[in-house]
Every structure is written in structure tokens, then in C-alpha cells.
Amino acid sequence: MAKIFKWVLVAALAAVLLLAGVALVLQGWVSSDGFRQRMEREATAVLGLPVQLGGIEVALWPLPAVALNGVRVQTKPPLTLARLELRPGWLALLRGRLEIATLVLRDAVLPQQAIDALLLSLQKRKQSTFTGPGPEAKRAPDAEPGDAEVAVTDWLPRRALLQGVSWTNLKGASTTMDAELRLGGDGLLDDASLHVVKGNLQGLRGRLQREQAGQWALRIEVGGGTVAGRIGMQEGAPGALALVLQGQLETRGVEVSALTAPNRPLSGKLEASTTLKASAATTAGLVEALRTETSFTVKDAVLNGMDLVKAVQTVGLNRGGQTRLDTLAGQVQSQGRAAQLNNLVASSGALSATGQVAVSATQVLNGRISVSLGSTVGVPLVVGGTLAAPEVTLTRGALLGAAIGTAMMPGVGTGAGMELGDRAGERLKKLFGR
């Protein structure tokens, strides 16, 4: 028994020494300037954008991998990766086929502009590789065999780990996250997990799991509550857009301000039901094409930057302050970054309000609300400004009506005059078409 153990130990030691020797040889080869420059050329050819590599090494711990350090894709602004590890699938490698089993990405900075530029470059490269529509497409004469297949399919990892990856939106706000993704044999997600460690949604945790073909279960923990439901994605009908996304989500007990940071126009606990749908030619286009319809209620709501009580009492321009509400309810329809809030109903003690407000893609507000305070007739207000700095003013018709009503019946006539003046103003608008 001792002899067997001894021979096993010797064999294991020999294997370790052999592996170390191979690793040293590989390290000397891949760390050379010639190999690095060759890899830069290959990566540039695949992505269609200039790529710079700070260095390449063979890593043995915790698992054998090829590591790329200081990766820089020359988009504007640049896309940078501090370290990218590629761990091969050993069974596939023994069969003579390169397959990336695991990709590990550390300390990357991914600006949205850079991502858009990279996706556009890949799309152009795919179009230049093949000519003609659909299955009858032919390979371009100057395209290398396997170009598109290698770029899109063979290089997809079966598992990806993201550590300290920062995404920067078009306004410069950055969100840093850790994530893990696993892909199925068809190249689609089997499951994914996400943790936001820094940024507007700090603390958010999400999980996506495939239940069946084209269907995933989604659960997000954010703002002390949850967003959960199912989403589906499938190919569109022949002749239609390539991808169709749809889903149904339920929001329970989420603090609204956690979803809108750094702007916090509203706080309170959100209960909502949302349906979503999008059709686009690419996955990147699904975000802009996304349409949602939501019915919501916010309990113990606080409107920040807007004091509706003061707006009614002063009968004039109001900026700043707060409005506390027992409940706020309504419907939201959105497309891309723009939203329309309809059938808004708010109440708190003697205060009640109804109306609708539009939020543009640039977060500019435009709407009308009617506010009643105790026995005061509904005061018509125009909502303007932005999410970060909202403001409310009386409509022009209401201002004129308030002046006339005050002159005729001081005190009592002010509210009635505002309402009548606003109605008259709206009728004149319709009459003259403006």
C-alpha cells in the first residue's frame, strides 16, 4: 500500500512539474511583443475597432487561463478592461476545438457611448461579411471563412463573471456592479445574478432564471421591496422585426426614491402592476423600443420640490417645498425614456388633486393638475420644470379669472374665478387652434 501511495505521489509530482514547465514555455511565448501585437490585430479584425493590449500572461490560479491586461478598445470615449481572463473548455480543446468555458472581467469601465459604437461596428462587420437577405445570404468575396461565426458564436463563453464593472450612462452617471451569467447551448441566458455595489441603485440585487424556451423568471430586490414576474423573448414573425420582448411584473413595497436616484421627486412605498413589450432588430434596440403600461399606488407619498398647498394659498408661482399625501395613484405609459402619467389622483386630509403629467426623454415636465384645499374650488395648475426642479403655476386663464373674481367678490370669488377663467382659456385655445 505504501509503495502504491509512493508511486501515485511521484506521478502527481511529475504531472505538476510537467504542467509548470508547459506553463513557463507558454508564458514566454504569449508575453512576447510579437504575440501581443498579433492578438491586437486579431481583436481589431473581429471587433472592427482598434484594440490595444497592455500585456498577456498565462495564469494557473485558481484555474488555468489566458489573461489579457490593460485592454483598451479605441471607441470615443474608450472602453477599458483592467483584466480579462479566458478559461478554455478542456474537453473541447482535447478535440481540437477552442471553446471559452469561463470569462472573468475585472475592473472595467464601459461607457454607454462606447458600447453603442462597438455594437454598431459589429453590426457593420456582419453586414459586410454576408451579402443578401436571410438564408440566401452569400459570403462577401473579401471575407475570411468563418469570420461571422467565430465572432458571434464560437467566442461566446458558457459562464461569465463580472467583478467591479462600471457602466456610465449618456449623462455621465456611473454604476458599478458584480454579476455572474451562464449561457445555454443556444447562446441564450440560462441564469444571471446581479449586485449593484455603487451608484444610483446601490444595493440592488437581481436574479434571472430560464424556466422554458424563451421564458425567464425575474426577481429584483431594491428599495426594501421586490419587483418580480416573468419576461419572454422570441424571434418575430417572418418579415417583421427580429426580436419581440414581453413580460408582466409586480412591484411590492419598493421605496420610489430608490428607483429615481439621484433625482428624488417622489418618495413612498410603491405597489404596481406592469406589462411591457418591445420589438427591435437587435437586443440593443429593445431598450429604446420598450413600451410599458403600469397601474400604481404610492402609500405615504411625499412630492419633493412642489408644495401644492402653498401653490393654492398664494395663487401664483411655486417652486420648492414638499407635499405630503396619504395616497397617490394613477397609470403610467412609457416608451423608451419618455413617460406619460394619466388619471393621477392624490389625497391627504383636506387636500385632493387630479391631473396628468408628461415626462420627456430629457426629464422635462409638462402637465396640468387641479388642486382642491378644503372648501376651495379646484385650482388649475400647470406643471413645468424638470424632475430635478419641478414648478407649478396658475394657467393664464386662471390668473385672469382670479383677478376678476377677487375684484367682484373679494375672497369668495377668487377660487370660482380661477376655475371659470381656466375653462374660458381652454375654449379660446380650441377656438383659435392654439
Protein backbone atom coordinates (compact mmCIF):
# COMPACT_ATOMS: atom_id res chain seq x y z
CA MET A 1 0.00 0.00 0.00
CA ALA A 2 2.86 2.32 0.87
CA LYS A 3 4.52 1.62 -2.49
CA ILE A 4 1.30 2.40 -4.36
CA PHE A 5 0.92 5.67 -2.47
CA LYS A 6 4.55 6.49 -3.21
CA TRP A 7 4.13 5.94 -6.97
CA VAL A 8 0.91 7.97 -7.01
CA LEU A 9 2.73 10.79 -5.25
CA VAL A 10 5.60 10.63 -7.73
CA ALA A 11 3.19 10.63 -10.68
CA ALA A 12 1.31 13.59 -9.28
CA LEU A 13 4.55 15.49 -8.69
CA ALA A 14 5.70 14.72 -12.22
CA ALA A 15 2.39 15.97 -13.62
CA VAL A 16 2.71 19.19 -11.64
CA LEU A 17 6.27 19.71 -12.85
CA LEU A 18 5.22 19.00 -16.43
CA LEU A 19 2.33 21.45 -16.15
CA ALA A 20 4.65 24.08 -14.65
CA GLY A 21 7.13 23.53 -17.49
CA VAL A 22 4.43 23.89 -20.12
CA ALA A 23 3.16 27.00 -18.37
CA LEU A 24 6.63 28.56 -18.38
CA VAL A 25 7.05 27.87 -22.09
CA LEU A 26 3.60 29.28 -22.83
CA GLN A 27 4.29 32.27 -20.61
CA GLY A 28 7.44 33.11 -22.54
CA TRP A 29 5.57 32.79 -25.84
CA VAL A 30 2.37 34.70 -25.08
CA SER A 31 4.16 37.50 -23.20
CA SER A 32 6.34 38.32 -26.20
CA ASP A 33 5.72 41.55 -28.13
CA GLY A 34 5.18 39.61 -31.34
CA PHE A 35 2.35 37.54 -29.88
CA ARG A 36 0.76 40.59 -28.22
CA GLN A 37 0.79 42.52 -31.50
CA ARG A 38 -0.71 39.55 -33.32
CA MET A 39 -3.53 39.36 -30.77
CA GLU A 40 -4.14 43.10 -31.15
CA ARG A 41 -4.53 42.63 -34.91
CA GLU A 42 -6.87 39.65 -34.45
CA ALA A 43 -9.04 41.51 -31.92
CA THR A 44 -9.14 44.59 -34.15
CA ALA A 45 -10.27 42.44 -37.09
CA VAL A 46 -13.04 40.79 -35.05
CA LEU A 47 -14.38 44.00 -33.46
CA GLY A 48 -13.78 46.36 -36.36
CA LEU A 49 -12.19 48.89 -33.96
CA PRO A 50 -8.56 49.46 -32.89
CA VAL A 51 -7.63 47.40 -29.82
CA GLN A 52 -4.60 47.85 -27.55
CA LEU A 53 -3.31 45.23 -25.09
CA GLY A 54 -1.09 46.11 -22.16
CA GLY A 55 0.10 42.52 -21.73
CA ILE A 56 -0.77 38.84 -21.97
CA GLU A 57 0.03 36.10 -19.46
CA VAL A 58 -0.76 32.50 -18.61
CA ALA A 59 -2.44 32.24 -15.20
CA LEU A 60 -2.56 28.95 -13.27
CA TRP A 61 -4.56 30.05 -10.23
CA PRO A 62 -7.36 29.48 -9.37
CA LEU A 63 -7.74 27.74 -12.76
CA PRO A 64 -5.53 27.72 -15.88
CA ALA A 65 -6.38 30.68 -18.09
CA VAL A 66 -5.02 33.20 -20.56
CA ALA A 67 -5.22 36.69 -19.08
CA LEU A 68 -5.28 39.95 -21.04
CA ASN A 69 -4.21 43.00 -19.03
CA GLY A 70 -4.85 46.65 -19.84
CA VAL A 71 -7.29 46.08 -22.70
CA ARG A 72 -8.36 49.30 -24.43
CA VAL A 73 -10.89 49.48 -27.27
CA GLN A 74 -10.44 52.78 -29.10
CA THR A 75 -14.03 53.98 -29.12
CA LYS A 76 -14.92 57.54 -28.14
CA PRO A 77 -14.81 57.51 -25.16
CA PRO A 78 -12.60 54.40 -24.87
CA LEU A 79 -13.80 51.11 -23.42
CA THR A 80 -11.23 49.82 -20.91
CA LEU A 81 -10.76 46.47 -19.16
CA ALA A 82 -8.15 46.17 -16.41
CA ARG A 83 -8.05 42.37 -16.69
CA LEU A 84 -9.83 39.83 -18.88
CA GLU A 85 -9.31 36.13 -18.17
CA LEU A 86 -10.30 33.46 -20.70
CA ARG A 87 -10.52 29.91 -19.37
CA PRO A 88 -10.79 27.28 -22.11
CA GLY A 89 -13.06 24.26 -22.15
CA TRP A 90 -10.58 21.42 -21.76
CA LEU A 91 -12.72 18.67 -23.32
CA ALA A 92 -13.31 20.79 -26.41
CA LEU A 93 -9.61 21.68 -26.51
CA LEU A 94 -8.62 17.99 -26.48
CA ARG A 95 -10.89 17.54 -29.50
CA GLY A 96 -9.04 20.31 -31.33
CA ARG A 97 -11.74 22.97 -30.90
CA LEU A 98 -11.29 26.20 -28.97
CA GLU A 99 -14.17 26.94 -26.60
CA ILE A 100 -14.24 29.56 -23.86
CA ALA A 101 -15.70 27.91 -20.78
CA THR A 102 -15.39 30.91 -18.45
CA LEU A 103 -14.75 34.61 -18.96
CA VAL A 104 -13.69 36.71 -15.96
CA LEU A 105 -13.80 40.50 -16.30
CA ARG A 106 -12.34 42.72 -13.59
CA ASP A 107 -12.35 46.49 -13.08
CA ALA A 108 -13.81 47.51 -16.43
CA VAL A 109 -15.21 50.89 -17.47
CA LEU A 110 -17.97 50.58 -20.08
CA PRO A 111 -19.41 53.95 -21.22
CA GLN A 112 -22.76 53.63 -22.99
CA GLN A 113 -21.41 55.62 -25.95
CA ALA A 114 -18.57 53.11 -26.29
CA ILE A 115 -20.97 50.15 -26.10
CA ASP A 116 -23.18 51.70 -28.81
CA ALA A 117 -20.14 52.30 -31.04
CA LEU A 118 -18.94 48.71 -30.54
CA LEU A 119 -22.36 47.23 -31.35
CA LEU A 120 -22.61 49.41 -34.46
CA SER A 121 -19.17 48.28 -35.59
CA LEU A 122 -20.05 44.60 -35.09
CA GLN A 123 -23.31 45.08 -36.99
CA LYS A 124 -21.48 46.72 -39.92
CA ARG A 125 -18.90 43.94 -39.92
CA LYS A 126 -21.59 41.28 -40.02
CA GLN A 127 -23.30 43.06 -42.91
CA SER A 128 -20.01 43.30 -44.82
CA THR A 129 -19.26 39.62 -44.21
CA PHE A 130 -22.53 38.44 -45.76
CA THR A 131 -24.43 39.89 -48.73
CA GLY A 132 -28.09 39.26 -49.43
CA PRO A 133 -31.07 38.69 -47.12
CA GLY A 134 -31.97 35.71 -44.94
CA PRO A 135 -30.82 32.16 -45.59
CA GLU A 136 -29.86 33.02 -49.18
CA ALA A 137 -27.12 35.36 -47.97
CA LYS A 138 -23.73 34.86 -49.60
CA ARG A 139 -20.31 35.46 -48.14
CA ALA A 140 -18.63 38.63 -49.36
CA PRO A 141 -15.66 37.90 -51.68
CA ASP A 142 -13.12 39.53 -49.37
CA ALA A 143 -14.47 37.93 -46.14
CA GLU A 144 -12.45 35.23 -44.45
CA PRO A 145 -14.24 31.87 -43.99
CA GLY A 146 -15.79 31.64 -40.53
CA ASP A 147 -15.46 35.37 -39.73
CA ALA A 148 -19.03 35.92 -38.57
CA GLU A 149 -19.38 32.54 -36.92
CA VAL A 150 -16.20 32.98 -34.87
CA ALA A 151 -17.14 36.49 -33.77
CA VAL A 152 -20.69 35.68 -32.75
CA THR A 153 -20.90 32.05 -31.73
CA ASP A 154 -17.58 30.34 -31.01
CA TRP A 155 -16.29 33.10 -28.74
CA LEU A 156 -19.36 33.20 -26.50
CA PRO A 157 -18.37 31.96 -23.02
CA ARG A 158 -20.53 29.40 -21.25
CA ARG A 159 -20.04 31.33 -17.99
CA ALA A 160 -19.06 34.93 -17.28
CA LEU A 161 -18.00 36.59 -14.03
CA LEU A 162 -18.00 40.39 -13.78
CA GLN A 163 -16.22 42.00 -10.84
CA GLY A 164 -16.12 45.75 -10.33
CA VAL A 165 -17.53 46.53 -13.76
CA SER A 166 -18.68 50.15 -14.14
CA TRP A 167 -21.28 51.28 -16.67
CA THR A 168 -21.54 55.01 -17.44
CA ASN A 169 -24.77 56.34 -18.94
CA LEU A 170 -25.03 59.10 -21.55
CA LYS A 171 -25.22 61.76 -18.80
CA GLY A 172 -22.01 60.59 -17.13
CA ALA A 173 -23.57 58.84 -14.11
CA SER A 174 -21.70 55.65 -13.23
CA THR A 175 -22.98 52.37 -11.76
CA THR A 176 -20.58 49.68 -10.54
CA MET A 177 -21.73 46.07 -10.32
CA ASP A 178 -20.76 42.45 -9.80
CA ALA A 179 -22.53 39.83 -11.89
CA GLU A 180 -22.50 36.19 -12.94
CA LEU A 181 -24.05 34.82 -16.14
CA ARG A 182 -24.45 31.30 -17.50
CA LEU A 183 -25.36 30.62 -21.12
CA GLY A 184 -27.09 27.59 -22.55
CA GLY A 185 -26.06 25.70 -25.65
CA ASP A 186 -28.25 28.00 -27.76
CA GLY A 187 -26.29 31.09 -26.67
CA LEU A 188 -29.14 32.46 -24.52
CA LEU A 189 -29.05 33.06 -20.77
CA ASP A 190 -29.82 30.13 -18.52
CA ASP A 191 -29.47 32.26 -15.39
CA ALA A 192 -27.90 35.52 -14.27
CA SER A 193 -27.36 37.33 -10.99
CA LEU A 194 -26.51 40.99 -10.40
CA HIS A 195 -25.43 43.10 -7.43
CA VAL A 196 -25.05 46.88 -7.71
CA VAL A 197 -22.23 47.85 -5.34
CA LYS A 198 -22.00 51.55 -6.18
CA GLY A 199 -24.13 54.13 -7.96
CA ASN A 200 -27.75 55.25 -8.20
CA LEU A 201 -29.22 51.80 -7.50
CA GLN A 202 -26.66 50.78 -4.87
CA GLY A 203 -27.73 47.65 -3.02
CA LEU A 204 -29.95 46.30 -5.82
CA ARG A 205 -29.85 42.53 -6.27
CA GLY A 206 -31.40 40.78 -9.23
CA ARG A 207 -31.82 37.21 -10.47
CA LEU A 208 -32.93 35.94 -13.88
CA GLN A 209 -33.61 32.23 -14.46
CA ARG A 210 -34.76 30.45 -17.58
CA GLU A 211 -37.88 28.34 -16.98
CA GLN A 212 -38.52 27.18 -20.53
CA ALA A 213 -37.69 28.12 -24.11
CA GLY A 214 -37.97 31.88 -24.44
CA GLN A 215 -39.28 32.40 -20.86
CA TRP A 216 -37.40 33.70 -17.82
CA ALA A 217 -38.37 34.37 -14.20
CA LEU A 218 -37.13 37.72 -12.89
CA ARG A 219 -36.77 38.84 -9.27
CA ILE A 220 -35.23 42.13 -8.14
CA GLU A 221 -34.71 43.26 -4.55
CA VAL A 222 -34.46 47.05 -4.36
CA GLY A 223 -35.58 49.85 -2.07
CA GLY A 224 -36.77 47.49 0.66
CA GLY A 225 -39.20 45.70 -1.68
CA THR A 226 -39.32 43.42 -4.71
CA VAL A 227 -40.05 43.52 -8.42
CA ALA A 228 -40.91 40.04 -9.69
CA GLY A 229 -42.53 38.40 -12.68
CA ARG A 230 -41.82 36.73 -15.99
CA ILE A 231 -40.42 38.02 -19.25
CA GLY A 232 -40.22 36.34 -22.62
CA MET A 233 -38.19 36.94 -25.76
CA GLN A 234 -38.70 35.30 -29.11
CA GLU A 235 -37.99 35.85 -32.77
CA GLY A 236 -40.55 37.91 -34.66
CA ALA A 237 -42.73 36.71 -37.49
CA PRO A 238 -41.21 36.48 -40.99
CA GLY A 239 -40.84 39.95 -42.46
CA ALA A 240 -41.20 41.62 -39.04
CA LEU A 241 -38.56 42.89 -36.59
CA ALA A 242 -36.14 40.24 -35.42
CA LEU A 243 -36.86 40.20 -31.67
CA VAL A 244 -40.01 40.57 -29.56
CA LEU A 245 -39.80 41.11 -25.79
CA GLN A 246 -42.81 40.97 -23.48
CA GLY A 247 -43.47 40.49 -19.80
CA GLN A 248 -45.59 41.03 -16.69
CA LEU A 249 -44.08 42.40 -13.46
CA GLU A 250 -45.46 43.03 -9.96
CA THR A 251 -43.87 45.64 -7.69
CA ARG A 252 -44.41 45.32 -3.95
CA GLY A 253 -43.24 47.69 -1.18
CA VAL A 254 -40.44 49.41 -3.14
CA GLU A 255 -39.28 52.83 -1.99
CA VAL A 256 -39.85 55.04 -5.05
CA SER A 257 -36.84 57.29 -4.43
CA ALA A 258 -34.54 54.25 -4.72
CA LEU A 259 -35.63 53.89 -8.36
CA THR A 260 -35.22 57.54 -9.35
CA ALA A 261 -31.88 58.44 -7.72
CA PRO A 262 -30.05 60.77 -7.90
CA ASN A 263 -33.26 62.76 -8.55
CA ARG A 264 -35.84 62.13 -5.83
CA PRO A 265 -39.04 63.86 -6.97
CA LEU A 266 -41.20 61.37 -5.08
CA SER A 267 -40.84 59.10 -2.07
CA GLY A 268 -43.16 56.49 -0.60
CA LYS A 269 -43.91 52.78 -0.87
CA LEU A 270 -44.81 51.67 -4.39
CA GLU A 271 -47.31 48.95 -5.33
CA ALA A 272 -47.67 48.44 -9.09
CA SER A 273 -48.54 46.07 -11.92
CA THR A 274 -46.63 46.49 -15.18
CA THR A 275 -46.90 45.00 -18.64
CA LEU A 276 -44.03 45.55 -21.05
CA LYS A 277 -43.40 44.92 -24.73
CA ALA A 278 -40.74 45.79 -27.28
CA SER A 279 -39.90 44.88 -30.87
CA ALA A 280 -36.50 45.62 -32.38
CA ALA A 281 -33.94 44.32 -34.83
CA THR A 282 -31.25 43.85 -32.15
CA THR A 283 -31.09 43.33 -28.37
CA ALA A 284 -29.53 46.80 -28.03
CA GLY A 285 -32.57 48.34 -29.74
CA LEU A 286 -35.02 46.72 -27.32
CA VAL A 287 -34.32 49.36 -24.63
CA GLU A 288 -35.31 52.30 -26.84
CA ALA A 289 -38.31 50.42 -28.25
CA LEU A 290 -39.59 49.30 -24.84
CA ARG A 291 -43.22 50.22 -24.12
CA THR A 292 -44.75 49.79 -20.66
CA GLU A 293 -48.16 50.25 -19.07
CA THR A 294 -48.36 50.46 -15.28
CA SER A 295 -51.13 50.92 -12.72
CA PHE A 296 -49.67 52.14 -9.44
CA THR A 297 -50.38 53.27 -5.91
CA VAL A 298 -47.88 55.04 -3.65
CA LYS A 299 -48.57 54.95 0.08
CA ASP A 300 -47.36 57.75 2.39
CA ALA A 301 -46.16 59.65 -0.65
CA VAL A 302 -44.12 62.86 -0.48
CA LEU A 303 -43.79 65.14 -3.51
CA ASN A 304 -40.40 66.83 -3.28
CA GLY A 305 -39.80 70.21 -4.87
CA MET A 306 -43.53 71.02 -5.06
CA ASP A 307 -45.79 72.47 -2.34
CA LEU A 308 -49.35 72.19 -3.68
CA VAL A 309 -50.90 73.69 -0.53
CA LYS A 310 -48.77 76.82 -0.85
CA ALA A 311 -49.49 76.98 -4.59
CA VAL A 312 -53.23 77.12 -3.85
CA GLN A 313 -52.91 79.57 -0.96
CA THR A 314 -50.65 82.03 -2.78
CA VAL A 315 -52.44 81.70 -6.14
CA GLY A 316 -49.19 82.06 -8.04
CA LEU A 317 -45.79 80.64 -8.95
CA ASN A 318 -44.43 77.99 -6.61
CA ARG A 319 -41.02 76.34 -6.52
CA GLY A 320 -39.57 74.11 -3.86
CA GLY A 321 -41.16 72.69 -0.73
CA GLN A 322 -42.95 69.38 -0.19
CA THR A 323 -46.44 67.94 -0.39
CA ARG A 324 -47.31 65.03 1.86
CA LEU A 325 -50.02 62.67 0.61
CA ASP A 326 -51.78 59.73 2.17
CA THR A 327 -52.15 58.09 -1.23
CA LEU A 328 -51.16 58.76 -4.82
CA ALA A 329 -52.49 56.58 -7.64
CA GLY A 330 -52.64 56.57 -11.41
CA GLN A 331 -51.38 54.97 -14.62
CA VAL A 332 -48.06 55.35 -16.41
CA GLN A 333 -47.35 54.71 -20.06
CA SER A 334 -43.76 54.85 -21.22
CA GLN A 335 -41.76 54.44 -24.39
CA GLY A 336 -38.00 54.45 -24.16
CA ARG A 337 -37.02 57.22 -21.74
CA ALA A 338 -40.29 59.21 -22.04
CA ALA A 339 -43.38 58.67 -19.86
CA GLN A 340 -46.98 59.86 -19.56
CA LEU A 341 -48.75 59.86 -16.17
CA ASN A 342 -52.54 59.72 -16.56
CA ASN A 343 -55.55 59.71 -14.21
CA LEU A 344 -53.50 60.93 -11.28
CA VAL A 345 -55.47 61.03 -8.04
CA ALA A 346 -53.93 62.27 -4.79
CA SER A 347 -55.39 62.95 -1.36
CA SER A 348 -54.23 63.98 2.09
CA GLY A 349 -56.64 65.36 4.66
CA ALA A 350 -58.32 68.43 3.19
CA LEU A 351 -56.13 68.35 0.06
CA SER A 352 -57.10 66.47 -3.08
CA ALA A 353 -55.68 66.64 -6.61
CA THR A 354 -56.24 65.14 -10.04
CA GLY A 355 -54.45 65.54 -13.36
CA GLN A 356 -51.88 64.24 -15.81
CA VAL A 357 -48.19 64.93 -16.42
CA ALA A 358 -45.79 64.04 -19.26
CA VAL A 359 -42.08 63.39 -18.66
CA SER A 360 -39.89 63.79 -21.76
CA ALA A 361 -36.76 61.78 -22.55
CA THR A 362 -34.75 64.73 -21.19
CA GLN A 363 -36.79 64.70 -17.91
CA VAL A 364 -38.72 67.90 -18.73
CA LEU A 365 -42.20 68.05 -17.14
CA ASN A 366 -45.35 69.20 -18.90
CA GLY A 367 -48.84 68.74 -17.45
CA ARG A 368 -51.90 70.07 -15.67
CA ILE A 369 -53.35 69.28 -12.26
CA SER A 370 -56.39 70.53 -10.37
CA VAL A 371 -55.92 71.00 -6.62
CA SER A 372 -58.67 71.47 -4.01
CA LEU A 373 -57.99 72.50 -0.44
CA GLY A 374 -60.92 72.19 1.94
CA SER A 375 -63.82 74.20 0.54
CA THR A 376 -61.60 75.82 -2.12
CA VAL A 377 -62.80 75.22 -5.68
CA GLY A 378 -60.33 73.15 -7.74
CA VAL A 379 -57.33 75.35 -8.61
CA PRO A 380 -55.94 74.60 -12.11
CA LEU A 381 -52.13 74.45 -12.12
CA VAL A 382 -49.59 73.97 -14.90
CA VAL A 383 -46.71 71.61 -14.06
CA GLY A 384 -43.35 72.52 -15.60
CA GLY A 385 -39.64 72.47 -14.93
CA THR A 386 -37.77 69.18 -14.65
CA LEU A 387 -37.77 66.14 -12.41
CA ALA A 388 -34.87 67.66 -10.51
CA ALA A 389 -36.53 71.10 -10.18
CA PRO A 390 -40.31 70.94 -10.75
CA GLU A 391 -42.52 74.03 -10.61
CA VAL A 392 -46.25 74.77 -10.70
CA THR A 393 -48.02 77.92 -11.88
CA LEU A 394 -51.59 79.02 -12.49
CA THR A 395 -52.78 78.83 -16.09
CA ARG A 396 -53.13 82.21 -17.83
CA GLY A 397 -56.90 81.86 -17.91
CA ALA A 398 -56.99 81.06 -14.20
CA LEU A 399 -54.82 84.08 -13.37
CA LEU A 400 -57.18 86.39 -15.24
CA GLY A 401 -60.25 84.73 -13.70
CA ALA A 402 -58.76 85.01 -10.20
CA ALA A 403 -58.20 88.76 -10.67
CA ILE A 404 -61.74 89.32 -11.94
CA GLY A 405 -63.29 87.11 -9.24
CA THR A 406 -61.35 88.85 -6.49
CA ALA A 407 -62.44 92.28 -7.74
CA MET A 408 -66.11 91.25 -7.88
CA MET A 409 -66.25 89.14 -4.70
CA PRO A 410 -63.11 89.53 -2.57
CA GLY A 411 -62.06 86.20 -1.04
CA VAL A 412 -65.00 84.07 -2.17
CA GLY A 413 -64.75 84.96 -5.85
CA THR A 414 -61.05 84.14 -6.24
CA GLY A 415 -61.38 80.35 -6.47
CA ALA A 416 -64.51 80.42 -8.62
CA GLY A 417 -62.89 82.97 -10.92
CA MET A 418 -59.81 80.77 -11.36
CA GLU A 419 -61.90 77.79 -12.43
CA LEU A 420 -64.11 79.82 -14.80
CA GLY A 421 -61.11 81.66 -16.22
CA ASP A 422 -59.28 78.41 -16.90
CA ARG A 423 -62.31 76.95 -18.70
CA ALA A 424 -62.67 80.08 -20.78
CA GLY A 425 -58.99 79.97 -21.65
CA GLU A 426 -59.25 76.37 -22.83
CA ARG A 427 -62.27 77.19 -25.00
CA LEU A 428 -60.42 80.11 -26.61
CA LYS A 429 -57.48 77.81 -27.32
CA LYS A 430 -59.74 75.38 -29.14
CA LEU A 431 -61.47 78.22 -30.99
CA PHE A 432 -58.25 79.72 -32.33
CA GLY A 433 -56.35 76.42 -32.54
CA ARG A 434 -53.62 77.34 -30.09
